[in-house]
C-alpha cells in the first residue's frame, strides 16, 4: 500500500490542534503526534510563527494565537463542507 502524502493544510491543522489541546510539551511530542521529521517540524513551526498562528512561550513550548484559533475553526468548517455525508 503506498504511503499517503498529506496536504500542507492538513499538517498545519494537526499542529494547531495539538498545540491548542496541550499545555506543556516538547517539540518531539509534536513530531510523534503529527508524524513529522525534525526538519519538517522546523519548517512548519517557522511558517506558523511567521504568520502569527502560534507564539513561542518557552524553549520548546508554543501557544496557539487568536488568529491561529480562527484559522483552525475555518479549516475545520471547510473539512466539514467537503467531507462525504453519512
C-alpha atoms as a PDB file:
ATOM      1  CA  UNK A   1       0.000   0.000   0.000  1.00  0.00           C
ATOM      2  CA  UNK A   2       1.558   3.358  -0.998  1.00  0.00           C
ATOM      3  CA  UNK A   3       2.234   5.860   1.729  1.00  0.00           C
ATOM      4  CA  UNK A   4      -0.323   8.648   1.734  1.00  0.00           C
ATOM      5  CA  UNK A   5       1.104  12.149   1.416  1.00  0.00           C
ATOM      6  CA  UNK A   6      -0.693  14.737   3.471  1.00  0.00           C
ATOM      7  CA  UNK A   7      -1.605  18.165   2.250  1.00  0.00           C
ATOM      8  CA  UNK A   8       0.077  21.194   3.809  1.00  0.00           C
ATOM      9  CA  UNK A   9      -3.197  22.431   5.345  1.00  0.00           C
ATOM     10  CA  UNK A  10      -3.836  19.026   6.913  1.00  0.00           C
ATOM     11  CA  UNK A  11      -0.421  19.130   8.611  1.00  0.00           C
ATOM     12  CA  UNK A  12      -0.898  22.728   9.749  1.00  0.00           C
ATOM     13  CA  UNK A  13      -4.299  21.813  11.164  1.00  0.00           C
ATOM     14  CA  UNK A  14      -2.828  18.846  13.034  1.00  0.00           C
ATOM     15  CA  UNK A  15      -0.068  21.005  14.562  1.00  0.00           C
ATOM     16  CA  UNK A  16      -2.510  23.761  15.583  1.00  0.00           C
ATOM     17  CA  UNK A  17      -4.877  21.201  17.114  1.00  0.00           C
ATOM     18  CA  UNK A  18      -2.019  19.604  19.058  1.00  0.00           C
ATOM     19  CA  UNK A  19      -0.771  22.968  20.349  1.00  0.00           C
ATOM     20  CA  UNK A  20      -4.315  24.043  21.259  1.00  0.00           C
ATOM     21  CA  UNK A  21      -5.032  20.853  23.229  1.00  0.00           C
ATOM     22  CA  UNK A  22      -1.711  20.537  25.087  1.00  0.00           C
ATOM     23  CA  UNK A  23      -0.443  22.899  27.731  1.00  0.00           C
ATOM     24  CA  UNK A  24       3.108  21.642  28.143  1.00  0.00           C
ATOM     25  CA  UNK A  25       5.026  19.638  25.593  1.00  0.00           C
ATOM     26  CA  UNK A  26       8.319  19.250  23.825  1.00  0.00           C
ATOM     27  CA  UNK A  27       8.924  19.521  20.094  1.00  0.00           C
ATOM     28  CA  UNK A  28       9.455  15.767  19.940  1.00  0.00           C
ATOM     29  CA  UNK A  29       5.858  15.262  21.127  1.00  0.00           C
ATOM     30  CA  UNK A  30       4.575  17.314  18.196  1.00  0.00           C
ATOM     31  CA  UNK A  31       6.796  15.293  15.847  1.00  0.00           C
ATOM     32  CA  UNK A  32       5.462  11.999  17.186  1.00  0.00           C
ATOM     33  CA  UNK A  33       1.795  13.003  17.365  1.00  0.00           C
ATOM     34  CA  UNK A  34       1.672  14.738  13.987  1.00  0.00           C
ATOM     35  CA  UNK A  35       4.085  12.343  12.268  1.00  0.00           C
ATOM     36  CA  UNK A  36       6.784  14.723  11.061  1.00  0.00           C
ATOM     37  CA  UNK A  37      10.549  14.599  10.811  1.00  0.00           C
ATOM     38  CA  UNK A  38      12.536  17.203  12.731  1.00  0.00           C
ATOM     39  CA  UNK A  39      13.317  19.167   9.545  1.00  0.00           C
ATOM     40  CA  UNK A  40       9.624  19.168   8.571  1.00  0.00           C
ATOM     41  CA  UNK A  41       8.641  20.297  12.062  1.00  0.00           C
ATOM     42  CA  UNK A  42      11.128  23.181  11.968  1.00  0.00           C
ATOM     43  CA  UNK A  43       9.738  24.297   8.598  1.00  0.00           C
ATOM     44  CA  UNK A  44       6.127  24.208   9.778  1.00  0.00           C
ATOM     45  CA  UNK A  45       6.794  25.863  13.144  1.00  0.00           C
ATOM     46  CA  UNK A  46       8.668  28.634  11.347  1.00  0.00           C
ATOM     47  CA  UNK A  47       5.720  29.117   8.989  1.00  0.00           C
ATOM     48  CA  UNK A  48       3.204  29.179  11.854  1.00  0.00           C
ATOM     49  CA  UNK A  49       5.302  31.634  13.873  1.00  0.00           C
ATOM     50  CA  UNK A  50       5.867  33.905  10.868  1.00  0.00           C
ATOM     51  CA  UNK A  51       2.133  34.021  10.162  1.00  0.00           C
ATOM     52  CA  UNK A  52       1.335  34.583  13.863  1.00  0.00           C
ATOM     53  CA  UNK A  53      -0.774  31.445  14.179  1.00  0.00           C
ATOM     54  CA  UNK A  54       1.295  30.362  17.205  1.00  0.00           C
ATOM     55  CA  UNK A  55       3.646  32.122  19.603  1.00  0.00           C
ATOM     56  CA  UNK A  56       6.658  30.711  21.402  1.00  0.00           C
ATOM     57  CA  UNK A  57       6.124  30.637  25.168  1.00  0.00           C
ATOM     58  CA  UNK A  58       9.325  28.866  26.183  1.00  0.00           C
ATOM     59  CA  UNK A  59      12.219  26.980  24.603  1.00  0.00           C
ATOM     60  CA  UNK A  60      10.095  24.032  23.457  1.00  0.00           C
ATOM     61  CA  UNK A  61       6.541  25.203  24.068  1.00  0.00           C
ATOM     62  CA  UNK A  62       4.155  27.110  21.841  1.00  0.00           C
ATOM     63  CA  UNK A  63       0.681  28.536  22.240  1.00  0.00           C
ATOM     64  CA  UNK A  64      -2.000  28.995  19.621  1.00  0.00           C
ATOM     65  CA  UNK A  65      -2.956  32.635  18.975  1.00  0.00           C
ATOM     66  CA  UNK A  66      -6.410  34.068  18.382  1.00  0.00           C
ATOM     67  CA  UNK A  67      -5.502  34.207  14.679  1.00  0.00           C
ATOM     68  CA  UNK A  68      -4.494  30.528  14.864  1.00  0.00           C
ATOM     69  CA  UNK A  69      -7.785  29.621  16.543  1.00  0.00           C
ATOM     70  CA  UNK A  70      -9.703  31.389  13.760  1.00  0.00           C
ATOM     71  CA  UNK A  71      -7.618  29.639  11.084  1.00  0.00           C
ATOM     72  CA  UNK A  72      -8.276  26.256  12.700  1.00  0.00           C
ATOM     73  CA  UNK A  73     -12.007  26.967  13.033  1.00  0.00           C
ATOM     74  CA  UNK A  74     -12.283  27.890   9.354  1.00  0.00           C
ATOM     75  CA  UNK A  75     -10.183  24.908   8.291  1.00  0.00           C
ATOM     76  CA  UNK A  76     -12.489  22.579  10.233  1.00  0.00           C
ATOM     77  CA  UNK A  77     -15.547  24.224   8.630  1.00  0.00           C
ATOM     78  CA  UNK A  78     -14.051  23.599   5.183  1.00  0.00           C
ATOM     79  CA  UNK A  79     -13.352  19.963   6.078  1.00  0.00           C
ATOM     80  CA  UNK A  80     -16.982  19.532   7.168  1.00  0.00           C
ATOM     81  CA  UNK A  81     -18.276  21.139   3.976  1.00  0.00           C
ATOM     82  CA  UNK A  82     -16.137  18.936   1.738  1.00  0.00           C
ATOM     83  CA  UNK A  83     -16.370  15.614   3.579  1.00  0.00           C
ATOM     84  CA  UNK A  84     -18.748  12.920   2.309  1.00  0.00           C
ATOM     85  CA  UNK A  85     -22.086  12.976   4.102  1.00  0.00           C
ATOM     86  CA  UNK A  86     -23.053   9.831   6.016  1.00  0.00           C
END
